[in-house]
């Protein structure tokens, strides 16, 4: 009886968190805070292929990750003293 070979493929979409960058302004008062750039999450797609022979997993799982949208850093300006 010949072997039955199959490959199971999965695709998963996940978010990539954005970073937060603080810019400190010595000429602004300590209560000063301004968001100069809004942050947004990125997106990553993961492809997984698993080979099977006669219903049993054989070999390694082959995975590829592809970033489809880069995250955007959130930038916050903050005062550190000043007037």
C-alpha atoms as a PDB file:
ATOM      1  CA  UNK A   1       0.000   0.000   0.000  1.00  0.00           C
ATOM      2  CA  UNK A   2       1.497   3.387  -0.995  1.00  0.00           C
ATOM      3  CA  UNK A   3       2.192   6.054   1.625  1.00  0.00           C
ATOM      4  CA  UNK A   4      -0.237   8.916   1.876  1.00  0.00           C
ATOM      5  CA  UNK A   5       1.677  12.220   2.066  1.00  0.00           C
ATOM      6  CA  UNK A   6      -0.044  15.457   3.040  1.00  0.00           C
ATOM      7  CA  UNK A   7       0.986  18.952   4.081  1.00  0.00           C
ATOM      8  CA  UNK A   8      -1.093  20.996   6.499  1.00  0.00           C
ATOM      9  CA  UNK A   9      -0.776  24.758   5.995  1.00  0.00           C
ATOM     10  CA  UNK A  10      -1.767  27.424   8.519  1.00  0.00           C
ATOM     11  CA  UNK A  11      -1.714  31.215   8.253  1.00  0.00           C
ATOM     12  CA  UNK A  12      -1.807  33.379  11.377  1.00  0.00           C
ATOM     13  CA  UNK A  13      -2.020  37.179  11.488  1.00  0.00           C
ATOM     14  CA  UNK A  14      -0.748  38.891  14.654  1.00  0.00           C
ATOM     15  CA  UNK A  15      -0.090  42.426  15.846  1.00  0.00           C
ATOM     16  CA  UNK A  16       3.335  43.939  16.496  1.00  0.00           C
ATOM     17  CA  UNK A  17       3.341  46.372  19.426  1.00  0.00           C
ATOM     18  CA  UNK A  18       4.572  49.893  18.813  1.00  0.00           C
ATOM     19  CA  UNK A  19       7.305  51.558  20.860  1.00  0.00           C
ATOM     20  CA  UNK A  20       6.945  54.751  22.885  1.00  0.00           C
ATOM     21  CA  UNK A  21       9.694  57.355  22.648  1.00  0.00           C
ATOM     22  CA  UNK A  22       9.974  60.184  25.180  1.00  0.00           C
ATOM     23  CA  UNK A  23      11.593  63.475  24.195  1.00  0.00           C
ATOM     24  CA  UNK A  24      12.539  65.602  27.200  1.00  0.00           C
ATOM     25  CA  UNK A  25      12.417  69.383  26.806  1.00  0.00           C
ATOM     26  CA  UNK A  26      14.353  71.340  29.471  1.00  0.00           C
ATOM     27  CA  UNK A  27      12.784  74.670  28.442  1.00  0.00           C
ATOM     28  CA  UNK A  28       9.213  73.495  29.080  1.00  0.00           C
ATOM     29  CA  UNK A  29       7.566  73.207  32.524  1.00  0.00           C
ATOM     30  CA  UNK A  30       7.244  69.771  34.154  1.00  0.00           C
ATOM     31  CA  UNK A  31       3.493  69.641  33.495  1.00  0.00           C
ATOM     32  CA  UNK A  32       4.035  70.063  29.723  1.00  0.00           C
ATOM     33  CA  UNK A  33       3.199  66.946  27.707  1.00  0.00           C
ATOM     34  CA  UNK A  34       2.422  66.724  24.018  1.00  0.00           C
ATOM     35  CA  UNK A  35       1.994  63.732  21.715  1.00  0.00           C
ATOM     36  CA  UNK A  36       3.754  64.683  18.484  1.00  0.00           C
ATOM     37  CA  UNK A  37       3.193  61.357  16.732  1.00  0.00           C
ATOM     38  CA  UNK A  38       0.477  58.805  17.404  1.00  0.00           C
ATOM     39  CA  UNK A  39       1.650  55.195  17.572  1.00  0.00           C
ATOM     40  CA  UNK A  40       0.055  52.342  15.699  1.00  0.00           C
ATOM     41  CA  UNK A  41       0.540  48.583  15.749  1.00  0.00           C
ATOM     42  CA  UNK A  42       2.168  46.732  12.917  1.00  0.00           C
ATOM     43  CA  UNK A  43       1.075  43.415  11.474  1.00  0.00           C
ATOM     44  CA  UNK A  44       2.889  40.110  10.977  1.00  0.00           C
ATOM     45  CA  UNK A  45       1.745  37.072   9.006  1.00  0.00           C
ATOM     46  CA  UNK A  46       3.139  33.660   9.993  1.00  0.00           C
ATOM     47  CA  UNK A  47       2.930  30.744   7.563  1.00  0.00           C
ATOM     48  CA  UNK A  48       3.338  27.229   8.964  1.00  0.00           C
ATOM     49  CA  UNK A  49       3.567  24.034   6.889  1.00  0.00           C
ATOM     50  CA  UNK A  50       3.608  20.651   8.604  1.00  0.00           C
ATOM     51  CA  UNK A  51       4.318  17.485   6.565  1.00  0.00           C
ATOM     52  CA  UNK A  52       2.482  14.223   7.366  1.00  0.00           C
ATOM     53  CA  UNK A  53       2.917  10.661   6.108  1.00  0.00           C
ATOM     54  CA  UNK A  54       0.015   8.295   6.778  1.00  0.00           C
ATOM     55  CA  UNK A  55      -1.420  10.793   9.270  1.00  0.00           C
ATOM     56  CA  UNK A  56       1.778  11.094  11.355  1.00  0.00           C
ATOM     57  CA  UNK A  57       3.880  14.251  11.498  1.00  0.00           C
ATOM     58  CA  UNK A  58       7.308  13.782   9.918  1.00  0.00           C
ATOM     59  CA  UNK A  59      10.171  16.195   9.613  1.00  0.00           C
ATOM     60  CA  UNK A  60      10.275  19.740  10.825  1.00  0.00           C
ATOM     61  CA  UNK A  61       7.606  22.380  10.669  1.00  0.00           C
ATOM     62  CA  UNK A  62       8.518  24.977   8.055  1.00  0.00           C
ATOM     63  CA  UNK A  63       7.613  28.497   9.147  1.00  0.00           C
ATOM     64  CA  UNK A  64       7.939  31.852   7.421  1.00  0.00           C
ATOM     65  CA  UNK A  65       7.192  35.207   9.014  1.00  0.00           C
ATOM     66  CA  UNK A  66       6.448  38.259   6.931  1.00  0.00           C
ATOM     67  CA  UNK A  67       5.883  41.773   8.288  1.00  0.00           C
ATOM     68  CA  UNK A  68       3.040  43.252   6.266  1.00  0.00           C
ATOM     69  CA  UNK A  69       2.776  46.551   8.178  1.00  0.00           C
ATOM     70  CA  UNK A  70       5.571  48.202  10.181  1.00  0.00           C
ATOM     71  CA  UNK A  71       4.619  49.592  13.602  1.00  0.00           C
ATOM     72  CA  UNK A  72       4.749  53.385  14.063  1.00  0.00           C
ATOM     73  CA  UNK A  73       6.499  54.729  17.181  1.00  0.00           C
ATOM     74  CA  UNK A  74       4.471  56.989  19.476  1.00  0.00           C
ATOM     75  CA  UNK A  75       6.431  60.152  20.342  1.00  0.00           C
ATOM     76  CA  UNK A  76       5.677  62.109  23.526  1.00  0.00           C
ATOM     77  CA  UNK A  77       7.353  65.421  24.387  1.00  0.00           C
ATOM     78  CA  UNK A  78       7.666  66.140  28.104  1.00  0.00           C
ATOM     79  CA  UNK A  79       8.888  69.200  29.995  1.00  0.00           C
ATOM     80  CA  UNK A  80      11.631  68.714  32.582  1.00  0.00           C
ATOM     81  CA  UNK A  81      11.796  72.111  34.276  1.00  0.00           C
ATOM     82  CA  UNK A  82      11.763  75.486  32.670  1.00  0.00           C
ATOM     83  CA  UNK A  83       9.544  78.334  33.731  1.00  0.00           C
END
